[in-house]
Amino acid sequence: MSETIISENDGIATLVNVFEVEKEKQQQLVDILNEGVEKVMKNRPGFISVNILVSKDGTRVINYAQWNSPEDIQATMADPEAQAYAKKAGALATASPSLYSVASVHHA
């Protein structure tokens, strides 16, 4: 079983997608993202984890996704089923996806 672990120099590709959404559509967006993860993303090669975060003010949703490689992310984004969910999400919110690597981790 995979889980989200954030550490430096782990070689994991991280996609962070920040969605700007109207308050009344935040839960609908979360539902679409969750459905896409369950029906498509989890079954794609290289998938590790997805975490969906919601802002307390209702105007943002963050999709924090970990994959084995940038190529796995690119292949998933090219998948017609994944594109269908991206289109549904895009109809509700403005997305700003970017690839990241962990620069540092701090603990108490």
N, C-alpha and C. Protein backbone atom coordinates (compact mmCIF):
# COMPACT_ATOMS: atom_id res chain seq x y z
N MET A 1 0.84 -1.18 0.00
CA MET A 1 0.00 0.00 0.00
C MET A 1 0.89 1.25 0.00
N SER A 2 0.56 2.21 -0.82
CA SER A 2 1.30 3.46 -0.91
C SER A 2 0.69 4.50 0.02
N GLU A 3 1.53 5.40 0.48
CA GLU A 3 1.04 6.51 1.27
C GLU A 3 1.90 7.72 1.00
N THR A 4 1.39 8.88 1.35
CA THR A 4 2.12 10.11 1.13
C THR A 4 3.20 10.26 2.19
N ILE A 5 4.44 10.35 1.74
CA ILE A 5 5.57 10.63 2.60
C ILE A 5 6.33 11.76 1.93
N ILE A 6 6.58 12.82 2.66
CA ILE A 6 7.29 13.97 2.10
C ILE A 6 8.71 13.97 2.66
N SER A 7 9.67 13.81 1.75
CA SER A 7 11.07 13.82 2.17
C SER A 7 11.93 14.37 1.03
N GLU A 8 13.08 14.88 1.41
CA GLU A 8 14.01 15.44 0.42
C GLU A 8 14.69 14.33 -0.37
N ASN A 9 15.04 14.63 -1.61
CA ASN A 9 15.83 13.73 -2.45
C ASN A 9 15.25 12.33 -2.57
N ASP A 10 13.93 12.24 -2.63
CA ASP A 10 13.29 10.93 -2.71
C ASP A 10 13.05 10.47 -4.14
N GLY A 11 13.28 11.36 -5.11
CA GLY A 11 13.08 11.00 -6.51
C GLY A 11 11.63 10.94 -6.95
N ILE A 12 10.73 11.30 -6.06
CA ILE A 12 9.30 11.28 -6.38
C ILE A 12 8.92 12.55 -7.13
N ALA A 13 8.07 12.42 -8.11
CA ALA A 13 7.54 13.57 -8.84
C ALA A 13 6.25 14.02 -8.16
N THR A 14 6.17 15.30 -7.85
CA THR A 14 5.01 15.83 -7.15
C THR A 14 4.30 16.86 -8.03
N LEU A 15 3.03 16.66 -8.22
CA LEU A 15 2.19 17.61 -8.94
C LEU A 15 1.31 18.31 -7.92
N VAL A 16 1.40 19.63 -7.90
CA VAL A 16 0.53 20.42 -7.03
C VAL A 16 -0.34 21.26 -7.94
N ASN A 17 -1.65 21.08 -7.81
CA ASN A 17 -2.59 21.83 -8.63
C ASN A 17 -3.48 22.65 -7.70
N VAL A 18 -3.37 23.96 -7.79
CA VAL A 18 -4.18 24.85 -6.97
C VAL A 18 -5.35 25.33 -7.80
N PHE A 19 -6.55 25.05 -7.33
CA PHE A 19 -7.77 25.46 -8.00
C PHE A 19 -8.38 26.65 -7.28
N GLU A 20 -8.73 27.67 -8.03
CA GLU A 20 -9.51 28.80 -7.51
C GLU A 20 -10.97 28.50 -7.86
N VAL A 21 -11.84 28.50 -6.87
CA VAL A 21 -13.21 28.07 -7.08
C VAL A 21 -14.17 28.96 -6.29
N GLU A 22 -15.38 29.10 -6.79
CA GLU A 22 -16.42 29.82 -6.04
C GLU A 22 -16.83 28.95 -4.84
N LYS A 23 -17.11 29.62 -3.72
CA LYS A 23 -17.42 28.91 -2.48
C LYS A 23 -18.48 27.83 -2.65
N GLU A 24 -19.53 28.17 -3.37
CA GLU A 24 -20.64 27.22 -3.50
C GLU A 24 -20.31 26.03 -4.39
N LYS A 25 -19.17 26.07 -5.08
CA LYS A 25 -18.77 24.97 -5.96
C LYS A 25 -17.60 24.15 -5.41
N GLN A 26 -17.09 24.54 -4.24
CA GLN A 26 -15.91 23.86 -3.71
C GLN A 26 -16.17 22.36 -3.51
N GLN A 27 -17.26 21.98 -2.86
CA GLN A 27 -17.52 20.57 -2.60
C GLN A 27 -17.75 19.79 -3.89
N GLN A 28 -18.41 20.41 -4.86
CA GLN A 28 -18.62 19.75 -6.15
C GLN A 28 -17.28 19.46 -6.82
N LEU A 29 -16.35 20.40 -6.74
CA LEU A 29 -15.01 20.19 -7.29
C LEU A 29 -14.30 19.05 -6.56
N VAL A 30 -14.37 19.03 -5.24
CA VAL A 30 -13.76 17.95 -4.46
C VAL A 30 -14.34 16.60 -4.87
N ASP A 31 -15.65 16.54 -5.05
CA ASP A 31 -16.30 15.29 -5.46
C ASP A 31 -15.78 14.82 -6.82
N ILE A 32 -15.62 15.73 -7.77
CA ILE A 32 -15.11 15.38 -9.10
C ILE A 32 -13.67 14.89 -9.00
N LEU A 33 -12.84 15.59 -8.24
CA LEU A 33 -11.45 15.18 -8.08
C LEU A 33 -11.37 13.80 -7.42
N ASN A 34 -12.15 13.58 -6.38
CA ASN A 34 -12.15 12.28 -5.71
C ASN A 34 -12.59 11.16 -6.65
N GLU A 35 -13.61 11.42 -7.43
CA GLU A 35 -14.08 10.41 -8.39
C GLU A 35 -13.00 10.10 -9.42
N GLY A 36 -12.33 11.13 -9.91
CA GLY A 36 -11.25 10.93 -10.88
C GLY A 36 -10.12 10.10 -10.31
N VAL A 37 -9.78 10.35 -9.05
CA VAL A 37 -8.72 9.57 -8.40
C VAL A 37 -9.14 8.11 -8.30
N GLU A 38 -10.34 7.87 -7.82
CA GLU A 38 -10.81 6.50 -7.62
C GLU A 38 -10.99 5.73 -8.93
N LYS A 39 -11.50 6.39 -9.94
CA LYS A 39 -11.82 5.69 -11.19
C LYS A 39 -10.66 5.66 -12.19
N VAL A 40 -9.75 6.63 -12.12
CA VAL A 40 -8.70 6.72 -13.14
C VAL A 40 -7.30 6.73 -12.53
N MET A 41 -7.00 7.74 -11.74
CA MET A 41 -5.63 7.97 -11.29
C MET A 41 -5.02 6.80 -10.54
N LYS A 42 -5.77 6.22 -9.61
CA LYS A 42 -5.26 5.11 -8.81
C LYS A 42 -4.82 3.93 -9.66
N ASN A 43 -5.38 3.81 -10.84
CA ASN A 43 -5.09 2.67 -11.69
C ASN A 43 -3.98 2.93 -12.71
N ARG A 44 -3.45 4.13 -12.72
CA ARG A 44 -2.42 4.50 -13.68
C ARG A 44 -1.04 4.07 -13.19
N PRO A 45 -0.15 3.68 -14.11
CA PRO A 45 1.22 3.33 -13.72
C PRO A 45 1.91 4.51 -13.05
N GLY A 46 2.65 4.21 -11.99
CA GLY A 46 3.43 5.22 -11.30
C GLY A 46 2.70 5.98 -10.22
N PHE A 47 1.40 5.74 -10.06
CA PHE A 47 0.62 6.44 -9.04
C PHE A 47 1.11 6.07 -7.65
N ILE A 48 1.29 7.07 -6.79
CA ILE A 48 1.63 6.83 -5.38
C ILE A 48 0.48 7.29 -4.49
N SER A 49 0.11 8.58 -4.59
CA SER A 49 -0.94 9.09 -3.71
C SER A 49 -1.49 10.41 -4.23
N VAL A 50 -2.69 10.73 -3.77
CA VAL A 50 -3.29 12.03 -4.00
C VAL A 50 -3.90 12.48 -2.68
N ASN A 51 -3.69 13.75 -2.38
CA ASN A 51 -4.29 14.38 -1.21
C ASN A 51 -5.03 15.61 -1.69
N ILE A 52 -6.27 15.75 -1.27
CA ILE A 52 -7.09 16.89 -1.64
C ILE A 52 -7.27 17.76 -0.40
N LEU A 53 -6.87 19.03 -0.52
CA LEU A 53 -6.99 19.97 0.58
C LEU A 53 -7.98 21.07 0.19
N VAL A 54 -8.76 21.55 1.15
CA VAL A 54 -9.70 22.63 0.89
C VAL A 54 -9.40 23.80 1.81
N SER A 55 -9.53 25.00 1.27
CA SER A 55 -9.30 26.19 2.09
C SER A 55 -10.52 26.41 2.99
N LYS A 56 -10.26 26.96 4.14
CA LYS A 56 -11.34 27.23 5.11
C LYS A 56 -12.32 28.28 4.58
N ASP A 57 -11.84 29.17 3.71
CA ASP A 57 -12.74 30.20 3.18
C ASP A 57 -13.55 29.71 1.98
N GLY A 58 -13.31 28.47 1.54
CA GLY A 58 -14.11 27.88 0.47
C GLY A 58 -13.70 28.25 -0.94
N THR A 59 -12.63 29.01 -1.12
CA THR A 59 -12.29 29.52 -2.44
C THR A 59 -11.14 28.78 -3.15
N ARG A 60 -10.54 27.81 -2.47
CA ARG A 60 -9.45 27.07 -3.09
C ARG A 60 -9.52 25.59 -2.75
N VAL A 61 -9.01 24.81 -3.70
CA VAL A 61 -8.82 23.37 -3.50
C VAL A 61 -7.42 23.06 -4.01
N ILE A 62 -6.67 22.29 -3.26
CA ILE A 62 -5.33 21.89 -3.68
C ILE A 62 -5.31 20.38 -3.87
N ASN A 63 -4.79 19.98 -5.02
CA ASN A 63 -4.58 18.57 -5.33
C ASN A 63 -3.07 18.34 -5.23
N TYR A 64 -2.64 17.58 -4.23
CA TYR A 64 -1.23 17.27 -4.01
C TYR A 64 -1.05 15.81 -4.39
N ALA A 65 -0.42 15.57 -5.54
CA ALA A 65 -0.30 14.22 -6.08
C ALA A 65 1.15 13.79 -6.22
N GLN A 66 1.44 12.56 -5.81
CA GLN A 66 2.78 12.01 -5.93
C GLN A 66 2.78 10.85 -6.93
N TRP A 67 3.81 10.87 -7.79
CA TRP A 67 3.98 9.86 -8.83
C TRP A 67 5.43 9.41 -8.83
N ASN A 68 5.68 8.26 -9.42
CA ASN A 68 7.05 7.75 -9.48
C ASN A 68 7.95 8.58 -10.37
N SER A 69 7.39 9.22 -11.39
CA SER A 69 8.23 10.00 -12.32
C SER A 69 7.41 11.07 -13.02
N PRO A 70 8.07 12.09 -13.55
CA PRO A 70 7.37 13.09 -14.36
C PRO A 70 6.72 12.46 -15.59
N GLU A 71 7.36 11.42 -16.12
CA GLU A 71 6.78 10.74 -17.29
C GLU A 71 5.45 10.08 -16.96
N ASP A 72 5.32 9.55 -15.74
CA ASP A 72 4.04 8.96 -15.31
C ASP A 72 2.96 10.04 -15.26
N ILE A 73 3.32 11.23 -14.79
CA ILE A 73 2.36 12.33 -14.74
C ILE A 73 1.95 12.73 -16.16
N GLN A 74 2.93 12.88 -17.04
CA GLN A 74 2.64 13.26 -18.43
C GLN A 74 1.75 12.24 -19.12
N ALA A 75 2.04 10.95 -18.92
CA ALA A 75 1.23 9.90 -19.53
C ALA A 75 -0.20 9.93 -19.00
N THR A 76 -0.34 10.19 -17.72
CA THR A 76 -1.68 10.27 -17.13
C THR A 76 -2.43 11.48 -17.67
N MET A 77 -1.75 12.61 -17.78
CA MET A 77 -2.41 13.81 -18.30
C MET A 77 -2.83 13.64 -19.76
N ALA A 78 -2.17 12.75 -20.47
CA ALA A 78 -2.51 12.49 -21.87
C ALA A 78 -3.63 11.45 -22.01
N ASP A 79 -3.96 10.77 -20.94
CA ASP A 79 -4.99 9.74 -20.96
C ASP A 79 -6.37 10.40 -21.15
N PRO A 80 -7.15 9.95 -22.13
CA PRO A 80 -8.47 10.56 -22.37
C PRO A 80 -9.41 10.52 -21.16
N GLU A 81 -9.33 9.47 -20.36
CA GLU A 81 -10.18 9.40 -19.17
C GLU A 81 -9.77 10.47 -18.15
N ALA A 82 -8.48 10.66 -17.97
CA ALA A 82 -7.99 11.69 -17.05
C ALA A 82 -8.35 13.07 -17.58
N GLN A 83 -8.23 13.25 -18.89
CA GLN A 83 -8.58 14.54 -19.50
C GLN A 83 -10.05 14.87 -19.30
N ALA A 84 -10.91 13.86 -19.31
CA ALA A 84 -12.34 14.10 -19.08
C ALA A 84 -12.58 14.67 -17.69
N TYR A 85 -11.87 14.14 -16.68
CA TYR A 85 -12.02 14.67 -15.33
C TYR A 85 -11.41 16.06 -15.21
N ALA A 86 -10.30 16.29 -15.90
CA ALA A 86 -9.69 17.62 -15.89
C ALA A 86 -10.64 18.65 -16.50
N LYS A 87 -11.35 18.24 -17.53
CA LYS A 87 -12.31 19.14 -18.18
C LYS A 87 -13.47 19.46 -17.23
N LYS A 88 -13.96 18.44 -16.52
CA LYS A 88 -15.04 18.66 -15.54
C LYS A 88 -14.58 19.62 -14.44
N ALA A 89 -13.38 19.40 -13.94
CA ALA A 89 -12.84 20.27 -12.89
C ALA A 89 -12.64 21.68 -13.44
N GLY A 90 -12.15 21.79 -14.67
CA GLY A 90 -11.92 23.08 -15.29
C GLY A 90 -13.19 23.87 -15.53
N ALA A 91 -14.32 23.17 -15.64
CA ALA A 91 -15.60 23.86 -15.81
C ALA A 91 -16.06 24.52 -14.51
N LEU A 92 -15.50 24.08 -13.38
CA LEU A 92 -15.90 24.61 -12.08
C LEU A 92 -14.89 25.59 -11.49
N ALA A 93 -13.63 25.47 -11.92
CA ALA A 93 -12.57 26.23 -11.25
C ALA A 93 -11.43 26.54 -12.21
N THR A 94 -10.59 27.47 -11.81
CA THR A 94 -9.37 27.78 -12.55
C THR A 94 -8.22 27.02 -11.92
N ALA A 95 -7.53 26.22 -12.73
CA ALA A 95 -6.45 25.36 -12.23
C ALA A 95 -5.09 25.96 -12.54
N SER A 96 -4.13 25.71 -11.64
CA SER A 96 -2.74 26.13 -11.82
C SER A 96 -1.82 24.98 -11.44
N PRO A 97 -1.68 23.97 -12.33
CA PRO A 97 -0.82 22.82 -12.00
C PRO A 97 0.66 23.11 -12.26
N SER A 98 1.51 22.55 -11.40
CA SER A 98 2.97 22.65 -11.58
C SER A 98 3.62 21.42 -10.97
N LEU A 99 4.78 21.04 -11.52
CA LEU A 99 5.58 19.97 -10.95
C LEU A 99 6.54 20.55 -9.92
N TYR A 100 6.74 19.82 -8.83
CA TYR A 100 7.60 20.27 -7.74
C TYR A 100 8.51 19.14 -7.28
N SER A 101 9.59 19.54 -6.60
CA SER A 101 10.41 18.62 -5.84
C SER A 101 10.55 19.20 -4.44
N VAL A 102 10.79 18.36 -3.47
CA VAL A 102 10.88 18.80 -2.08
C VAL A 102 12.26 19.44 -1.85
N ALA A 103 12.26 20.67 -1.42
CA ALA A 103 13.51 21.39 -1.15
C ALA A 103 13.98 21.16 0.29
N SER A 104 13.04 21.08 1.22
CA SER A 104 13.40 20.84 2.61
C SER A 104 12.18 20.39 3.39
N VAL A 105 12.42 19.69 4.48
CA VAL A 105 11.36 19.23 5.38
C VAL A 105 11.80 19.56 6.81
N HIS A 106 10.89 20.08 7.61
CA HIS A 106 11.20 20.46 9.00
C HIS A 106 10.17 19.84 9.93
N HIS A 107 10.62 19.38 11.08
CA HIS A 107 9.73 18.79 12.08
C HIS A 107 10.05 19.39 13.45
N ALA A 108 9.09 19.32 14.33
CA ALA A 108 9.29 19.82 15.71
C ALA A 108 10.27 18.93 16.44
